[in-house]
Amino acid sequence: MIDQSNKKDYQGPLYARHPDLVKRTQNKENYYYWFWIIAMIAFIVPQVFTAWAYMNIVDIMKSPIQVEVKND
């Protein structure tokens, strides 16, 4: 806790004295969130396509297969 008993030495919060520090931290945080958004999309989209492909394979396997036998 900052001792504010000597008011003339207190210069306010860090972001008021050095706004560039806060901005740099916010940019890092934005990159962090964008990284995880892209990572989750890259992880989920292939799973959706895989599930769709499995459903199509199951539909194909459920339909009867016609076999024609030829006597030569």
C-alpha atoms as a PDB file:
ATOM      1  CA  MET A   1       0.000   0.000   0.000  1.00  0.00           C
ATOM      2  CA  ILE A   2       1.323   3.426  -0.879  1.00  0.00           C
ATOM      3  CA  ASP A   3       1.759   5.765   2.027  1.00  0.00           C
ATOM      4  CA  GLN A   4       0.006   8.957   0.966  1.00  0.00           C
ATOM      5  CA  SER A   5       0.713  10.832   4.175  1.00  0.00           C
ATOM      6  CA  ASN A   6       3.262  12.973   2.346  1.00  0.00           C
ATOM      7  CA  LYS A   7       1.005  14.171  -0.501  1.00  0.00           C
ATOM      8  CA  LYS A   8       3.664  16.223  -2.329  1.00  0.00           C
ATOM      9  CA  ASP A   9       5.725  13.093  -3.095  1.00  0.00           C
ATOM     10  CA  TYR A  10       2.782  11.105  -4.417  1.00  0.00           C
ATOM     11  CA  GLN A  11       2.591  11.392  -8.225  1.00  0.00           C
ATOM     12  CA  GLY A  12      -0.547   9.378  -8.898  1.00  0.00           C
ATOM     13  CA  PRO A  13      -0.936   5.916 -10.357  1.00  0.00           C
ATOM     14  CA  LEU A  14       1.685   4.487 -12.700  1.00  0.00           C
ATOM     15  CA  TYR A  15      -0.534   4.731 -15.790  1.00  0.00           C
ATOM     16  CA  ALA A  16      -0.927   8.488 -15.230  1.00  0.00           C
ATOM     17  CA  ARG A  17       2.846   8.978 -15.085  1.00  0.00           C
ATOM     18  CA  HIS A  18       3.771   6.508 -17.854  1.00  0.00           C
ATOM     19  CA  PRO A  19       0.838   5.902 -20.233  1.00  0.00           C
ATOM     20  CA  ASP A  20       3.095   4.126 -22.756  1.00  0.00           C
ATOM     21  CA  LEU A  21       3.619   1.268 -20.279  1.00  0.00           C
ATOM     22  CA  VAL A  22      -0.098   0.608 -20.041  1.00  0.00           C
ATOM     23  CA  LYS A  23      -0.545   0.745 -23.803  1.00  0.00           C
ATOM     24  CA  ARG A  24       2.267  -1.749 -24.372  1.00  0.00           C
ATOM     25  CA  THR A  25       0.747  -4.128 -21.821  1.00  0.00           C
ATOM     26  CA  GLN A  26      -2.671  -3.830 -23.452  1.00  0.00           C
ATOM     27  CA  ASN A  27      -1.197  -4.666 -26.852  1.00  0.00           C
ATOM     28  CA  LYS A  28       0.425  -7.761 -25.393  1.00  0.00           C
ATOM     29  CA  GLU A  29      -2.889  -8.734 -23.851  1.00  0.00           C
ATOM     30  CA  ASN A  30      -4.653  -8.224 -27.198  1.00  0.00           C
ATOM     31  CA  TYR A  31      -2.124 -10.433 -28.945  1.00  0.00           C
ATOM     32  CA  TYR A  32      -2.631 -13.055 -26.225  1.00  0.00           C
ATOM     33  CA  TYR A  33      -6.386 -13.145 -26.779  1.00  0.00           C
ATOM     34  CA  TRP A  34      -6.030 -13.201 -30.584  1.00  0.00           C
ATOM     35  CA  PHE A  35      -3.573 -16.088 -30.281  1.00  0.00           C
ATOM     36  CA  TRP A  36      -6.022 -18.164 -28.262  1.00  0.00           C
ATOM     37  CA  ILE A  37      -8.961 -17.314 -30.544  1.00  0.00           C
ATOM     38  CA  ILE A  38      -7.005 -18.479 -33.590  1.00  0.00           C
ATOM     39  CA  ALA A  39      -5.705 -21.543 -31.755  1.00  0.00           C
ATOM     40  CA  MET A  40      -9.218 -22.605 -30.732  1.00  0.00           C
ATOM     41  CA  ILE A  41     -10.570 -22.086 -34.256  1.00  0.00           C
ATOM     42  CA  ALA A  42      -7.669 -24.126 -35.658  1.00  0.00           C
ATOM     43  CA  PHE A  43      -8.464 -26.857 -33.134  1.00  0.00           C
ATOM     44  CA  ILE A  44     -12.274 -26.932 -33.480  1.00  0.00           C
ATOM     45  CA  VAL A  45     -12.740 -26.578 -37.267  1.00  0.00           C
ATOM     46  CA  PRO A  46     -10.944 -29.849 -38.166  1.00  0.00           C
ATOM     47  CA  GLN A  47     -12.992 -31.656 -35.537  1.00  0.00           C
ATOM     48  CA  VAL A  48     -16.215 -30.392 -37.101  1.00  0.00           C
ATOM     49  CA  PHE A  49     -15.112 -31.562 -40.554  1.00  0.00           C
ATOM     50  CA  THR A  50     -14.062 -34.936 -39.153  1.00  0.00           C
ATOM     51  CA  ALA A  51     -17.455 -35.414 -37.481  1.00  0.00           C
ATOM     52  CA  TRP A  52     -19.202 -34.415 -40.722  1.00  0.00           C
ATOM     53  CA  ALA A  53     -17.100 -36.934 -42.693  1.00  0.00           C
ATOM     54  CA  TYR A  54     -17.883 -39.727 -40.210  1.00  0.00           C
ATOM     55  CA  MET A  55     -21.595 -38.966 -40.464  1.00  0.00           C
ATOM     56  CA  ASN A  56     -21.392 -39.188 -44.262  1.00  0.00           C
ATOM     57  CA  ILE A  57     -19.506 -42.490 -44.068  1.00  0.00           C
ATOM     58  CA  VAL A  58     -22.144 -43.906 -41.718  1.00  0.00           C
ATOM     59  CA  ASP A  59     -24.913 -42.831 -44.115  1.00  0.00           C
ATOM     60  CA  ILE A  60     -23.127 -44.528 -47.011  1.00  0.00           C
ATOM     61  CA  MET A  61     -22.643 -47.738 -45.028  1.00  0.00           C
ATOM     62  CA  LYS A  62     -26.310 -47.866 -43.976  1.00  0.00           C
ATOM     63  CA  SER A  63     -27.576 -47.875 -47.553  1.00  0.00           C
ATOM     64  CA  PRO A  64     -27.778 -51.322 -49.164  1.00  0.00           C
ATOM     65  CA  ILE A  65     -25.158 -52.314 -51.670  1.00  0.00           C
ATOM     66  CA  GLN A  66     -26.336 -53.870 -54.921  1.00  0.00           C
ATOM     67  CA  VAL A  67     -24.239 -56.682 -56.302  1.00  0.00           C
ATOM     68  CA  GLU A  68     -24.706 -58.050 -59.794  1.00  0.00           C
ATOM     69  CA  VAL A  69     -23.367 -61.535 -60.422  1.00  0.00           C
ATOM     70  CA  LYS A  70     -22.430 -62.402 -64.005  1.00  0.00           C
ATOM     71  CA  ASN A  71     -21.869 -65.942 -65.177  1.00  0.00           C
ATOM     72  CA  ASP A  72     -19.255 -65.994 -67.918  1.00  0.00           C
END
